[in-house]
Structures are given as structure tokens and as C-alpha cells.
Amino acid sequence: MQYFCLANNLGALTHLNYLSEYSCLKTLARKRDASIAKFRKKCKIGLTWGISYINKGITQRELWNVYSWDKIKKMRNYKGNPDITINRFIFQGRTHLTDRLKSERCENCDKTT
């Protein structure tokens, strides 16, 4: 969400959030033969709503994230870089001793032999 907070047309994004939330609520309420308001009251957790489920004998909850304008303004004032640089070398394999010897280069001082 922090990435999208930098956009100029946040009104469209909040409208999309509203549509997706009520689409999800309507689908879940319809499956349980209830109205959206009744289903939301039943699943209310704090200021938002969520779905409870059992995973390996432990009851867990999946909450619907609510983004108020205050939260969005705080995210906009965040001065960090939203673009994360990945480590390019993470998927490269290790070099073997023979490969390092063939390069004829000192690993400490980087001189060629």
C-alpha cells in the first residue's frame, strides 16, 4: 500500500478498496444466507472485520485491512525509498576452488599473477 500512496489519484484507489471489500462481504454473506450488515456484525473484530479459521488446531483470524486518510497521509510522509533493491547475487552459485585458481587473480589484493 505504501507504493500506491505516492499516486496522485488516491480517490480511485480508495474506491477500488471499497468495491473489493463490499464484494468480498457480499459473497461471504450470500454463502451464509445473511445480509451484509448482519455478516459484518458477526465477523467484527475491533474496528474492522475478519474471518476466523482453524489451522493445525489453532484458531487464527484473517483481518480486512482498513486504510483511513490519516494512515495514508502518514504513509505519504514516509521518506524511505519505496523501490526495494534486490540482491542480484542471491541466485548465483558458489565458485569452486578450481575456478578461482584459473582466474589467476589474488582475492586479497586483486592483482593478476
PDB file of N, CA and C in Angstrom:
ATOM      1  N   MET A   1       0.824  -1.191   0.000  1.00  0.00           N
ATOM      2  CA  MET A   1       0.000   0.000   0.000  1.00  0.00           C
ATOM      3  C   MET A   1       0.868   1.255   0.000  1.00  0.00           C
ATOM      4  N   GLN A   2       2.059   1.175   0.612  1.00  0.00           N
ATOM      5  CA  GLN A   2       2.922   2.350   0.645  1.00  0.00           C
ATOM      6  C   GLN A   2       3.312   2.792  -0.760  1.00  0.00           C
ATOM      7  N   TYR A   3       3.461   1.851  -1.658  1.00  0.00           N
ATOM      8  CA  TYR A   3       3.829   2.194  -3.028  1.00  0.00           C
ATOM      9  C   TYR A   3       2.709   2.991  -3.691  1.00  0.00           C
ATOM     10  N   PHE A   4       1.450   2.580  -3.466  1.00  0.00           N
ATOM     11  CA  PHE A   4       0.320   3.249  -4.100  1.00  0.00           C
ATOM     12  C   PHE A   4      -0.004   4.586  -3.444  1.00  0.00           C
ATOM     13  N   CYS A   5       0.471   4.827  -2.230  1.00  0.00           N
ATOM     14  CA  CYS A   5       0.215   6.100  -1.562  1.00  0.00           C
ATOM     15  C   CYS A   5       0.900   7.261  -2.259  1.00  0.00           C
ATOM     16  N   LEU A   6       1.895   6.969  -3.071  1.00  0.00           N
ATOM     17  CA  LEU A   6       2.594   8.028  -3.792  1.00  0.00           C
ATOM     18  C   LEU A   6       1.821   8.506  -5.015  1.00  0.00           C
ATOM     19  N   ALA A   7       0.741   7.826  -5.361  1.00  0.00           N
ATOM     20  CA  ALA A   7      -0.027   8.174  -6.559  1.00  0.00           C
ATOM     21  C   ALA A   7      -0.811   9.465  -6.339  1.00  0.00           C
ATOM     22  N   ASN A   8      -1.194  10.088  -7.440  1.00  0.00           N
ATOM     23  CA  ASN A   8      -1.961  11.330  -7.370  1.00  0.00           C
ATOM     24  C   ASN A   8      -3.458  11.087  -7.258  1.00  0.00           C
ATOM     25  N   ASN A   9      -3.944   9.966  -7.755  1.00  0.00           N
ATOM     26  CA  ASN A   9      -5.383   9.715  -7.776  1.00  0.00           C
ATOM     27  C   ASN A   9      -5.775   8.682  -6.720  1.00  0.00           C
ATOM     28  N   LEU A  10      -5.572   9.032  -5.450  1.00  0.00           N
ATOM     29  CA  LEU A  10      -5.897   8.105  -4.372  1.00  0.00           C
ATOM     30  C   LEU A  10      -7.396   7.901  -4.222  1.00  0.00           C
ATOM     31  N   GLY A  11      -8.195   8.828  -4.729  1.00  0.00           N
ATOM     32  CA  GLY A  11      -9.644   8.658  -4.667  1.00  0.00           C
ATOM     33  C   GLY A  11     -10.079   7.407  -5.405  1.00  0.00           C
ATOM     34  N   ALA A  12      -9.465   7.145  -6.548  1.00  0.00           N
ATOM     35  CA  ALA A  12      -9.794   5.940  -7.314  1.00  0.00           C
ATOM     36  C   ALA A  12      -9.341   4.694  -6.566  1.00  0.00           C
ATOM     37  N   LEU A  13      -8.209   4.777  -5.883  1.00  0.00           N
ATOM     38  CA  LEU A  13      -7.704   3.632  -5.130  1.00  0.00           C
ATOM     39  C   LEU A  13      -8.596   3.318  -3.934  1.00  0.00           C
ATOM     40  N   THR A  14      -9.052   4.351  -3.218  1.00  0.00           N
ATOM     41  CA  THR A  14      -9.939   4.097  -2.084  1.00  0.00           C
ATOM     42  C   THR A  14     -11.280   3.572  -2.562  1.00  0.00           C
ATOM     43  N   HIS A  15     -11.726   4.016  -3.722  1.00  0.00           N
ATOM     44  CA  HIS A  15     -12.972   3.486  -4.284  1.00  0.00           C
ATOM     45  C   HIS A  15     -12.794   2.014  -4.662  1.00  0.00           C
ATOM     46  N   LEU A  16     -11.650   1.669  -5.200  1.00  0.00           N
ATOM     47  CA  LEU A  16     -11.362   0.274  -5.523  1.00  0.00           C
ATOM     48  C   LEU A  16     -11.315  -0.580  -4.253  1.00  0.00           C
ATOM     49  N   ASN A  17     -10.736  -0.036  -3.176  1.00  0.00           N
ATOM     50  CA  ASN A  17     -10.706  -0.737  -1.895  1.00  0.00           C
ATOM     51  C   ASN A  17     -12.126  -0.958  -1.375  1.00  0.00           C
ATOM     52  N   TYR A  18     -12.959   0.059  -1.488  1.00  0.00           N
ATOM     53  CA  TYR A  18     -14.359  -0.043  -1.062  1.00  0.00           C
ATOM     54  C   TYR A  18     -15.092  -1.116  -1.870  1.00  0.00           C
ATOM     55  N   LEU A  19     -14.908  -1.113  -3.178  1.00  0.00           N
ATOM     56  CA  LEU A  19     -15.581  -2.103  -4.028  1.00  0.00           C
ATOM     57  C   LEU A  19     -15.124  -3.522  -3.709  1.00  0.00           C
ATOM     58  N   SER A  20     -13.830  -3.704  -3.511  1.00  0.00           N
ATOM     59  CA  SER A  20     -13.334  -5.053  -3.224  1.00  0.00           C
ATOM     60  C   SER A  20     -13.800  -5.533  -1.851  1.00  0.00           C
ATOM     61  N   GLU A  21     -13.849  -4.637  -0.867  1.00  0.00           N
ATOM     62  CA  GLU A  21     -14.308  -5.028   0.469  1.00  0.00           C
ATOM     63  C   GLU A  21     -15.771  -5.450   0.439  1.00  0.00           C
ATOM     64  N   TYR A  22     -16.619  -4.651  -0.190  1.00  0.00           N
ATOM     65  CA  TYR A  22     -18.039  -4.982  -0.196  1.00  0.00           C
ATOM     66  C   TYR A  22     -18.354  -6.134  -1.134  1.00  0.00           C
ATOM     67  N   SER A  23     -17.558  -6.339  -2.142  1.00  0.00           N
ATOM     68  CA  SER A  23     -17.728  -7.520  -2.981  1.00  0.00           C
ATOM     69  C   SER A  23     -17.423  -8.779  -2.178  1.00  0.00           C
ATOM     70  N   CYS A  24     -16.353  -8.725  -1.390  1.00  0.00           N
ATOM     71  CA  CYS A  24     -16.000  -9.857  -0.529  1.00  0.00           C
ATOM     72  C   CYS A  24     -17.080 -10.083   0.525  1.00  0.00           C
ATOM     73  N   LEU A  25     -17.546  -8.999   1.158  1.00  0.00           N
ATOM     74  CA  LEU A  25     -18.606  -9.116   2.159  1.00  0.00           C
ATOM     75  C   LEU A  25     -19.880  -9.697   1.562  1.00  0.00           C
ATOM     76  N   LYS A  26     -20.242  -9.236   0.386  1.00  0.00           N
ATOM     77  CA  LYS A  26     -21.470  -9.711  -0.251  1.00  0.00           C
ATOM     78  C   LYS A  26     -21.363 -11.193  -0.593  1.00  0.00           C
ATOM     79  N   THR A  27     -20.211 -11.614  -1.095  1.00  0.00           N
ATOM     80  CA  THR A  27     -20.008 -13.024  -1.444  1.00  0.00           C
ATOM     81  C   THR A  27     -20.099 -13.909  -0.208  1.00  0.00           C
ATOM     82  N   LEU A  28     -19.416 -13.506   0.867  1.00  0.00           N
ATOM     83  CA  LEU A  28     -19.420 -14.314   2.084  1.00  0.00           C
ATOM     84  C   LEU A  28     -20.785 -14.309   2.765  1.00  0.00           C
ATOM     85  N   ALA A  29     -21.476 -13.165   2.755  1.00  0.00           N
ATOM     86  CA  ALA A  29     -22.808 -13.093   3.357  1.00  0.00           C
ATOM     87  C   ALA A  29     -23.797 -13.935   2.566  1.00  0.00           C
ATOM     88  N   ARG A  30     -23.661 -13.933   1.264  1.00  0.00           N
ATOM     89  CA  ARG A  30     -24.559 -14.719   0.406  1.00  0.00           C
ATOM     90  C   ARG A  30     -24.381 -16.217   0.658  1.00  0.00           C
ATOM     91  N   LYS A  31     -23.141 -16.647   0.904  1.00  0.00           N
ATOM     92  CA  LYS A  31     -22.883 -18.062   1.188  1.00  0.00           C
ATOM     93  C   LYS A  31     -23.525 -18.497   2.500  1.00  0.00           C
ATOM     94  N   ARG A  32     -23.701 -17.550   3.427  1.00  0.00           N
ATOM     95  CA  ARG A  32     -24.276 -17.879   4.728  1.00  0.00           C
ATOM     96  C   ARG A  32     -25.731 -17.427   4.852  1.00  0.00           C
ATOM     97  N   ASP A  33     -26.346 -17.063   3.743  1.00  0.00           N
ATOM     98  CA  ASP A  33     -27.744 -16.604   3.698  1.00  0.00           C
ATOM     99  C   ASP A  33     -28.017 -15.505   4.721  1.00  0.00           C
ATOM    100  N   ALA A  34     -27.204 -14.468   4.702  1.00  0.00           N
ATOM    101  CA  ALA A  34     -27.367 -13.337   5.612  1.00  0.00           C
ATOM    102  C   ALA A  34     -27.171 -12.048   4.826  1.00  0.00           C
ATOM    103  N   SER A  35     -27.557 -10.945   5.447  1.00  0.00           N
ATOM    104  CA  SER A  35     -27.315  -9.657   4.804  1.00  0.00           C
ATOM    105  C   SER A  35     -25.873  -9.232   5.079  1.00  0.00           C
ATOM    106  N   ILE A  36     -25.425  -8.225   4.358  1.00  0.00           N
ATOM    107  CA  ILE A  36     -24.055  -7.741   4.530  1.00  0.00           C
ATOM    108  C   ILE A  36     -23.868  -7.184   5.938  1.00  0.00           C
ATOM    109  N   ALA A  37     -24.855  -6.424   6.436  1.00  0.00           N
ATOM    110  CA  ALA A  37     -24.748  -5.823   7.768  1.00  0.00           C
ATOM    111  C   ALA A  37     -24.681  -6.890   8.859  1.00  0.00           C
ATOM    112  N   LYS A  38     -25.518  -7.914   8.758  1.00  0.00           N
ATOM    113  CA  LYS A  38     -25.514  -8.984   9.765  1.00  0.00           C
ATOM    114  C   LYS A  38     -24.198  -9.751   9.731  1.00  0.00           C
ATOM    115  N   PHE A  39     -23.711 -10.023   8.538  1.00  0.00           N
ATOM    116  CA  PHE A  39     -22.450 -10.760   8.421  1.00  0.00           C
ATOM    117  C   PHE A  39     -21.293  -9.933   8.965  1.00  0.00           C
ATOM    118  N   ARG A  40     -21.307  -8.641   8.684  1.00  0.00           N
ATOM    119  CA  ARG A  40     -20.224  -7.775   9.166  1.00  0.00           C
ATOM    120  C   ARG A  40     -20.236  -7.673  10.689  1.00  0.00           C
ATOM    121  N   LYS A  41     -21.441  -7.599  11.290  1.00  0.00           N
ATOM    122  CA  LYS A  41     -21.540  -7.574  12.753  1.00  0.00           C
ATOM    123  C   LYS A  41     -21.028  -8.875  13.358  1.00  0.00           C
ATOM    124  N   LYS A  42     -21.347  -9.985  12.700  1.00  0.00           N
ATOM    125  CA  LYS A  42     -20.938 -11.291  13.207  1.00  0.00           C
ATOM    126  C   LYS A  42     -19.419 -11.451  13.156  1.00  0.00           C
ATOM    127  N   CYS A  43     -18.792 -10.916  12.128  1.00  0.00           N
ATOM    128  CA  CYS A  43     -17.344 -11.081  11.933  1.00  0.00           C
ATOM    129  C   CYS A  43     -16.536  -9.884  12.414  1.00  0.00           C
ATOM    130  N   LYS A  44     -17.167  -8.967  13.153  1.00  0.00           N
ATOM    131  CA  LYS A  44     -16.472  -7.754  13.579  1.00  0.00           C
ATOM    132  C   LYS A  44     -15.383  -8.081  14.598  1.00  0.00           C
ATOM    133  N   ILE A  45     -14.190  -7.552  14.351  1.00  0.00           N
ATOM    134  CA  ILE A  45     -13.047  -7.697  15.250  1.00  0.00           C
ATOM    135  C   ILE A  45     -12.435  -6.308  15.398  1.00  0.00           C
ATOM    136  N   GLY A  46     -12.661  -5.665  16.521  1.00  0.00           N
ATOM    137  CA  GLY A  46     -12.157  -4.308  16.729  1.00  0.00           C
ATOM    138  C   GLY A  46     -12.876  -3.327  15.815  1.00  0.00           C
ATOM    139  N   LEU A  47     -12.111  -2.536  15.075  1.00  0.00           N
ATOM    140  CA  LEU A  47     -12.703  -1.564  14.158  1.00  0.00           C
ATOM    141  C   LEU A  47     -12.977  -2.145  12.780  1.00  0.00           C
ATOM    142  N   THR A  48     -12.474  -3.312  12.507  1.00  0.00           N
ATOM    143  CA  THR A  48     -12.619  -3.916  11.190  1.00  0.00           C
ATOM    144  C   THR A  48     -13.312  -5.266  11.336  1.00  0.00           C
ATOM    145  N   TRP A  49     -13.306  -6.036  10.286  1.00  0.00           N
ATOM    146  CA  TRP A  49     -13.896  -7.374  10.324  1.00  0.00           C
ATOM    147  C   TRP A  49     -12.881  -8.361   9.786  1.00  0.00           C
ATOM    148  N   GLY A  50     -13.109  -9.617  10.097  1.00  0.00           N
ATOM    149  CA  GLY A  50     -12.186 -10.649   9.649  1.00  0.00           C
ATOM    150  C   GLY A  50     -12.830 -12.012   9.683  1.00  0.00           C
ATOM    151  N   ILE A  51     -12.144 -12.967   9.116  1.00  0.00           N
ATOM    152  CA  ILE A  51     -12.618 -14.343   9.040  1.00  0.00           C
ATOM    153  C   ILE A  51     -11.769 -15.192   9.983  1.00  0.00           C
ATOM    154  N   SER A  52     -12.437 -15.956  10.843  1.00  0.00           N
ATOM    155  CA  SER A  52     -11.733 -16.887  11.726  1.00  0.00           C
ATOM    156  C   SER A  52     -11.647 -18.243  11.052  1.00  0.00           C
ATOM    157  N   TYR A  53     -10.510 -18.897  11.211  1.00  0.00           N
ATOM    158  CA  TYR A  53     -10.336 -20.238  10.673  1.00  0.00           C
ATOM    159  C   TYR A  53      -9.414 -21.021  11.596  1.00  0.00           C
ATOM    160  N   ILE A  54      -9.473 -22.336  11.487  1.00  0.00           N
ATOM    161  CA  ILE A  54      -8.656 -23.200  12.331  1.00  0.00           C
ATOM    162  C   ILE A  54      -7.521 -23.768  11.491  1.00  0.00           C
ATOM    163  N   ASN A  55      -6.292 -23.557  11.963  1.00  0.00           N
ATOM    164  CA  ASN A  55      -5.105 -24.047  11.282  1.00  0.00           C
ATOM    165  C   ASN A  55      -4.283 -24.848  12.284  1.00  0.00           C
ATOM    166  N   LYS A  56      -4.194 -26.148  12.073  1.00  0.00           N
ATOM    167  CA  LYS A  56      -3.452 -27.055  12.951  1.00  0.00           C
ATOM    168  C   LYS A  56      -3.933 -26.951  14.396  1.00  0.00           C
ATOM    169  N   GLY A  57      -5.245 -26.861  14.573  1.00  0.00           N
ATOM    170  CA  GLY A  57      -5.832 -26.822  15.907  1.00  0.00           C
ATOM    171  C   GLY A  57      -5.809 -25.461  16.575  1.00  0.00           C
ATOM    172  N   ILE A  58      -5.275 -24.457  15.918  1.00  0.00           N
ATOM    173  CA  ILE A  58      -5.196 -23.110  16.482  1.00  0.00           C
ATOM    174  C   ILE A  58      -6.131 -22.198  15.692  1.00  0.00           C
ATOM    175  N   THR A  59      -6.990 -21.465  16.409  1.00  0.00           N
ATOM    176  CA  THR A  59      -7.893 -20.527  15.748  1.00  0.00           C
ATOM    177  C   THR A  59      -7.116 -19.271  15.369  1.00  0.00           C
ATOM    178  N   GLN A  60      -7.159 -18.939  14.093  1.00  0.00           N
ATOM    179  CA  GLN A  60      -6.479 -17.745  13.596  1.00  0.00           C
ATOM    180  C   GLN A  60      -7.497 -16.859  12.895  1.00  0.00           C
ATOM    181  N   ARG A  61      -7.132 -15.600  12.692  1.00  0.00           N
ATOM    182  CA  ARG A  61      -8.027 -14.643  12.039  1.00  0.00           C
ATOM    183  C   ARG A  61      -7.313 -13.959  10.890  1.00  0.00           C
ATOM    184  N   GLU A  62      -8.038 -13.786   9.825  1.00  0.00           N
ATOM    185  CA  GLU A  62      -7.550 -13.017   8.677  1.00  0.00           C
ATOM    186  C   GLU A  62      -8.359 -11.728   8.648  1.00  0.00           C
ATOM    187  N   LEU A  63      -7.711 -10.605   8.957  1.00  0.00           N
ATOM    188  CA  LEU A  63      -8.407  -9.325   9.053  1.00  0.00           C
ATOM    189  C   LEU A  63      -8.412  -8.595   7.720  1.00  0.00           C
ATOM    190  N   TRP A  64      -9.453  -7.799   7.507  1.00  0.00           N
ATOM    191  CA  TRP A  64      -9.515  -6.920   6.348  1.00  0.00           C
ATOM    192  C   TRP A  64      -8.824  -5.622   6.730  1.00  0.00           C
ATOM    193  N   ASN A  65      -7.808  -5.227   6.005  1.00  0.00           N
ATOM    194  CA  ASN A  65      -7.060  -4.006   6.312  1.00  0.00           C
ATOM    195  C   ASN A  65      -7.883  -2.779   5.975  1.00  0.00           C
ATOM    196  N   VAL A  66      -7.947  -1.852   6.927  1.00  0.00           N
ATOM    197  CA  VAL A  66      -8.665  -0.598   6.724  1.00  0.00           C
ATOM    198  C   VAL A  66      -7.629   0.512   6.625  1.00  0.00           C
ATOM    199  N   TYR A  67      -7.680   1.262   5.547  1.00  0.00           N
ATOM    200  CA  TYR A  67      -6.749   2.365   5.350  1.00  0.00           C
ATOM    201  C   TYR A  67      -7.520   3.671   5.415  1.00  0.00           C
ATOM    202  N   SER A  68      -7.386   4.381   6.545  1.00  0.00           N
ATOM    203  CA  SER A  68      -8.033   5.678   6.681  1.00  0.00           C
ATOM    204  C   SER A  68      -7.148   6.736   6.022  1.00  0.00           C
ATOM    205  N   TRP A  69      -7.703   7.932   5.859  1.00  0.00           N
ATOM    206  CA  TRP A  69      -6.924   9.002   5.242  1.00  0.00           C
ATOM    207  C   TRP A  69      -5.733   9.382   6.113  1.00  0.00           C
ATOM    208  N   ASP A  70      -5.894   9.265   7.445  1.00  0.00           N
ATOM    209  CA  ASP A  70      -4.769   9.575   8.332  1.00  0.00           C
ATOM    210  C   ASP A  70      -3.617   8.604   8.108  1.00  0.00           C
ATOM    211  N   LYS A  71      -3.943   7.319   7.959  1.00  0.00           N
ATOM    212  CA  LYS A  71      -2.911   6.313   7.702  1.00  0.00           C
ATOM    213  C   LYS A  71      -2.228   6.575   6.362  1.00  0.00           C
ATOM    214  N   ILE A  72      -3.019   6.928   5.368  1.00  0.00           N
ATOM    215  CA  ILE A  72      -2.472   7.188   4.033  1.00  0.00           C
ATOM    216  C   ILE A  72      -1.560   8.418   4.062  1.00  0.00           C
ATOM    217  N   LYS A  73      -1.966   9.466   4.809  1.00  0.00           N
ATOM    218  CA  LYS A  73      -1.129  10.664   4.916  1.00  0.00           C
ATOM    219  C   LYS A  73       0.201  10.348   5.596  1.00  0.00           C
ATOM    220  N   LYS A  74       0.168   9.486   6.636  1.00  0.00           N
ATOM    221  CA  LYS A  74       1.409   9.098   7.298  1.00  0.00           C
ATOM    222  C   LYS A  74       2.303   8.323   6.340  1.00  0.00           C
ATOM    223  N   MET A  75       1.699   7.469   5.520  1.00  0.00           N
ATOM    224  CA  MET A  75       2.482   6.702   4.551  1.00  0.00           C
ATOM    225  C   MET A  75       3.072   7.613   3.489  1.00  0.00           C
ATOM    226  N   ARG A  76       2.343   8.667   3.121  1.00  0.00           N
ATOM    227  CA  ARG A  76       2.857   9.606   2.119  1.00  0.00           C
ATOM    228  C   ARG A  76       4.041  10.392   2.650  1.00  0.00           C
ATOM    229  N   ASN A  77       4.047  10.669   3.948  1.00  0.00           N
ATOM    230  CA  ASN A  77       5.141  11.431   4.553  1.00  0.00           C
ATOM    231  C   ASN A  77       6.365  10.575   4.820  1.00  0.00           C
ATOM    232  N   TYR A  78       6.277   9.292   4.582  1.00  0.00           N
ATOM    233  CA  TYR A  78       7.398   8.382   4.786  1.00  0.00           C
ATOM    234  C   TYR A  78       8.493   8.733   3.786  1.00  0.00           C
ATOM    235  N   LYS A  79       9.693   8.945   4.274  1.00  0.00           N
ATOM    236  CA  LYS A  79      10.781   9.427   3.420  1.00  0.00           C
ATOM    237  C   LYS A  79      11.656   8.315   2.854  1.00  0.00           C
ATOM    238  N   GLY A  80      11.347   7.069   3.160  1.00  0.00           N
ATOM    239  CA  GLY A  80      12.165   5.966   2.660  1.00  0.00           C
ATOM    240  C   GLY A  80      11.941   5.722   1.179  1.00  0.00           C
ATOM    241  N   ASN A  81      12.755   4.893   0.601  1.00  0.00           N
ATOM    242  CA  ASN A  81      12.651   4.550  -0.810  1.00  0.00           C
ATOM    243  C   ASN A  81      11.650   3.409  -0.974  1.00  0.00           C
ATOM    244  N   PRO A  82      10.543   3.615  -1.698  1.00  0.00           N
ATOM    245  CA  PRO A  82       9.561   2.534  -1.855  1.00  0.00           C
ATOM    246  C   PRO A  82      10.034   1.425  -2.784  1.00  0.00           C
ATOM    247  N   ASP A  83      11.020   1.728  -3.620  1.00  0.00           N
ATOM    248  CA  ASP A  83      11.545   0.720  -4.538  1.00  0.00           C
ATOM    249  C   ASP A  83      12.647  -0.066  -3.838  1.00  0.00           C
ATOM    250  N   ILE A  84      12.403  -1.322  -3.633  1.00  0.00           N
ATOM    251  CA  ILE A  84      13.355  -2.171  -2.917  1.00  0.00           C
ATOM    252  C   ILE A  84      14.350  -2.740  -3.917  1.00  0.00           C
ATOM    253  N   THR A  85      15.629  -2.591  -3.600  1.00  0.00           N
ATOM    254  CA  THR A  85      16.648  -3.172  -4.472  1.00  0.00           C
ATOM    255  C   THR A  85      16.918  -4.591  -4.008  1.00  0.00           C
ATOM    256  N   ILE A  86      16.877  -5.505  -4.939  1.00  0.00           N
ATOM    257  CA  ILE A  86      17.098  -6.900  -4.589  1.00  0.00           C
ATOM    258  C   ILE A  86      18.573  -7.236  -4.704  1.00  0.00           C
ATOM    259  N   ASN A  87      18.974  -8.271  -4.019  1.00  0.00           N
ATOM    260  CA  ASN A  87      20.349  -8.747  -4.090  1.00  0.00           C
ATOM    261  C   ASN A  87      20.504  -9.544  -5.385  1.00  0.00           C
ATOM    262  N   ARG A  88      21.296  -9.036  -6.314  1.00  0.00           N
ATOM    263  CA  ARG A  88      21.447  -9.698  -7.610  1.00  0.00           C
ATOM    264  C   ARG A  88      22.230 -10.994  -7.512  1.00  0.00           C
ATOM    265  N   PHE A  89      23.020 -11.135  -6.482  1.00  0.00           N
ATOM    266  CA  PHE A  89      23.910 -12.282  -6.377  1.00  0.00           C
ATOM    267  C   PHE A  89      23.309 -13.435  -5.582  1.00  0.00           C
ATOM    268  N   ILE A  90      22.076 -13.321  -5.168  1.00  0.00           N
ATOM    269  CA  ILE A  90      21.491 -14.337  -4.297  1.00  0.00           C
ATOM    270  C   ILE A  90      21.298 -15.670  -5.014  1.00  0.00           C
ATOM    271  N   PHE A  91      21.036 -15.650  -6.305  1.00  0.00           N
ATOM    272  CA  PHE A  91      20.769 -16.882  -7.030  1.00  0.00           C
ATOM    273  C   PHE A  91      21.985 -17.412  -7.790  1.00  0.00           C
ATOM    274  N   GLN A  92      23.109 -16.734  -7.690  1.00  0.00           N
ATOM    275  CA  GLN A  92      24.303 -17.218  -8.361  1.00  0.00           C
ATOM    276  C   GLN A  92      24.980 -18.260  -7.485  1.00  0.00           C
ATOM    277  N   GLY A  93      25.460 -19.318  -8.125  1.00  0.00           N
ATOM    278  CA  GLY A  93      26.095 -20.401  -7.379  1.00  0.00           C
ATOM    279  C   GLY A  93      27.458 -20.010  -6.851  1.00  0.00           C
ATOM    280  N   ARG A  94      27.951 -20.803  -5.949  1.00  0.00           N
ATOM    281  CA  ARG A  94      29.284 -20.566  -5.388  1.00  0.00           C
ATOM    282  C   ARG A  94      30.351 -20.965  -6.409  1.00  0.00           C
ATOM    283  N   THR A  95      31.494 -20.324  -6.305  1.00  0.00           N
ATOM    284  CA  THR A  95      32.598 -20.680  -7.196  1.00  0.00           C
ATOM    285  C   THR A  95      33.384 -21.828  -6.580  1.00  0.00           C
ATOM    286  N   HIS A  96      33.940 -22.638  -7.421  1.00  0.00           N
ATOM    287  CA  HIS A  96      34.763 -23.752  -6.963  1.00  0.00           C
ATOM    288  C   HIS A  96      36.213 -23.290  -6.877  1.00  0.00           C
ATOM    289  N   LEU A  97      36.991 -24.028  -6.146  1.00  0.00           N
ATOM    290  CA  LEU A  97      38.397 -23.684  -5.959  1.00  0.00           C
ATOM    291  C   LEU A  97      39.140 -23.671  -7.291  1.00  0.00           C
ATOM    292  N   THR A  98      38.813 -24.618  -8.165  1.00  0.00           N
ATOM    293  CA  THR A  98      39.500 -24.671  -9.468  1.00  0.00           C
ATOM    294  C   THR A  98      39.175 -23.441 -10.304  1.00  0.00           C
ATOM    295  N   ASP A  99      37.938 -22.955 -10.237  1.00  0.00           N
ATOM    296  CA  ASP A  99      37.571 -21.748 -10.987  1.00  0.00           C
ATOM    297  C   ASP A  99      38.343 -20.537 -10.474  1.00  0.00           C
ATOM    298  N   ARG A 100      38.520 -20.458  -9.172  1.00  0.00           N
ATOM    299  CA  ARG A 100      39.246 -19.330  -8.604  1.00  0.00           C
ATOM    300  C   ARG A 100      40.732 -19.389  -8.955  1.00  0.00           C
ATOM    301  N   LEU A 101      41.270 -20.595  -9.028  1.00  0.00           N
ATOM    302  CA  LEU A 101      42.680 -20.725  -9.412  1.00  0.00           C
ATOM    303  C   LEU A 101      42.886 -20.400 -10.885  1.00  0.00           C
ATOM    304  N   LYS A 102      41.935 -20.764 -11.737  1.00  0.00           N
ATOM    305  CA  LYS A 102      42.043 -20.482 -13.172  1.00  0.00           C
ATOM    306  C   LYS A 102      41.997 -18.985 -13.465  1.00  0.00           C
ATOM    307  N   SER A 103      41.352 -18.227 -12.618  1.00  0.00           N
ATOM    308  CA  SER A 103      41.252 -16.788 -12.877  1.00  0.00           C
ATOM    309  C   SER A 103      42.585 -16.077 -12.705  1.00  0.00           C
ATOM    310  N   GLU A 104      43.539 -16.721 -12.022  1.00  0.00           N
ATOM    311  CA  GLU A 104      44.880 -16.176 -11.804  1.00  0.00           C
ATOM    312  C   GLU A 104      44.828 -14.757 -11.241  1.00  0.00           C
ATOM    313  N   ARG A 105      44.006 -14.570 -10.248  1.00  0.00           N
ATOM    314  CA  ARG A 105      43.821 -13.267  -9.624  1.00  0.00           C
ATOM    315  C   ARG A 105      43.828 -13.451  -8.107  1.00  0.00           C
ATOM    316  N   CYS A 106      44.557 -12.601  -7.415  1.00  0.00           N
ATOM    317  CA  CYS A 106      44.620 -12.663  -5.958  1.00  0.00           C
ATOM    318  C   CYS A 106      43.306 -12.127  -5.382  1.00  0.00           C
ATOM    319  N   GLU A 107      42.718 -12.869  -4.438  1.00  0.00           N
ATOM    320  CA  GLU A 107      41.442 -12.447  -3.863  1.00  0.00           C
ATOM    321  C   GLU A 107      41.611 -11.336  -2.841  1.00  0.00           C
ATOM    322  N   ASN A 108      42.794 -11.214  -2.263  1.00  0.00           N
ATOM    323  CA  ASN A 108      43.027 -10.184  -1.251  1.00  0.00           C
ATOM    324  C   ASN A 108      43.354  -8.830  -1.869  1.00  0.00           C
ATOM    325  N   CYS A 109      44.333  -8.820  -2.791  1.00  0.00           N
ATOM    326  CA  CYS A 109      44.774  -7.535  -3.352  1.00  0.00           C
ATOM    327  C   CYS A 109      44.290  -7.310  -4.778  1.00  0.00           C
ATOM    328  N   ASP A 110      43.644  -8.293  -5.378  1.00  0.00           N
ATOM    329  CA  ASP A 110      43.057  -8.203  -6.714  1.00  0.00           C
ATOM    330  C   ASP A 110      44.102  -7.987  -7.818  1.00  0.00           C
ATOM    331  N   LYS A 111      45.316  -8.498  -7.609  1.00  0.00           N
ATOM    332  CA  LYS A 111      46.362  -8.403  -8.633  1.00  0.00           C
ATOM    333  C   LYS A 111      46.370  -9.672  -9.464  1.00  0.00           C
ATOM    334  N   THR A 112      46.677  -9.520 -10.742  1.00  0.00           N
ATOM    335  CA  THR A 112      46.792 -10.695 -11.607  1.00  0.00           C
ATOM    336  C   THR A 112      48.195 -11.270 -11.487  1.00  0.00           C
ATOM    337  N   THR A 113      48.273 -12.586 -11.599  1.00  0.00           N
ATOM    338  CA  THR A 113      49.586 -13.240 -11.473  1.00  0.00           C
ATOM    339  C   THR A 113      50.090 -13.683 -12.822  1.00  0.00           C
TER     340      THR A 113
END
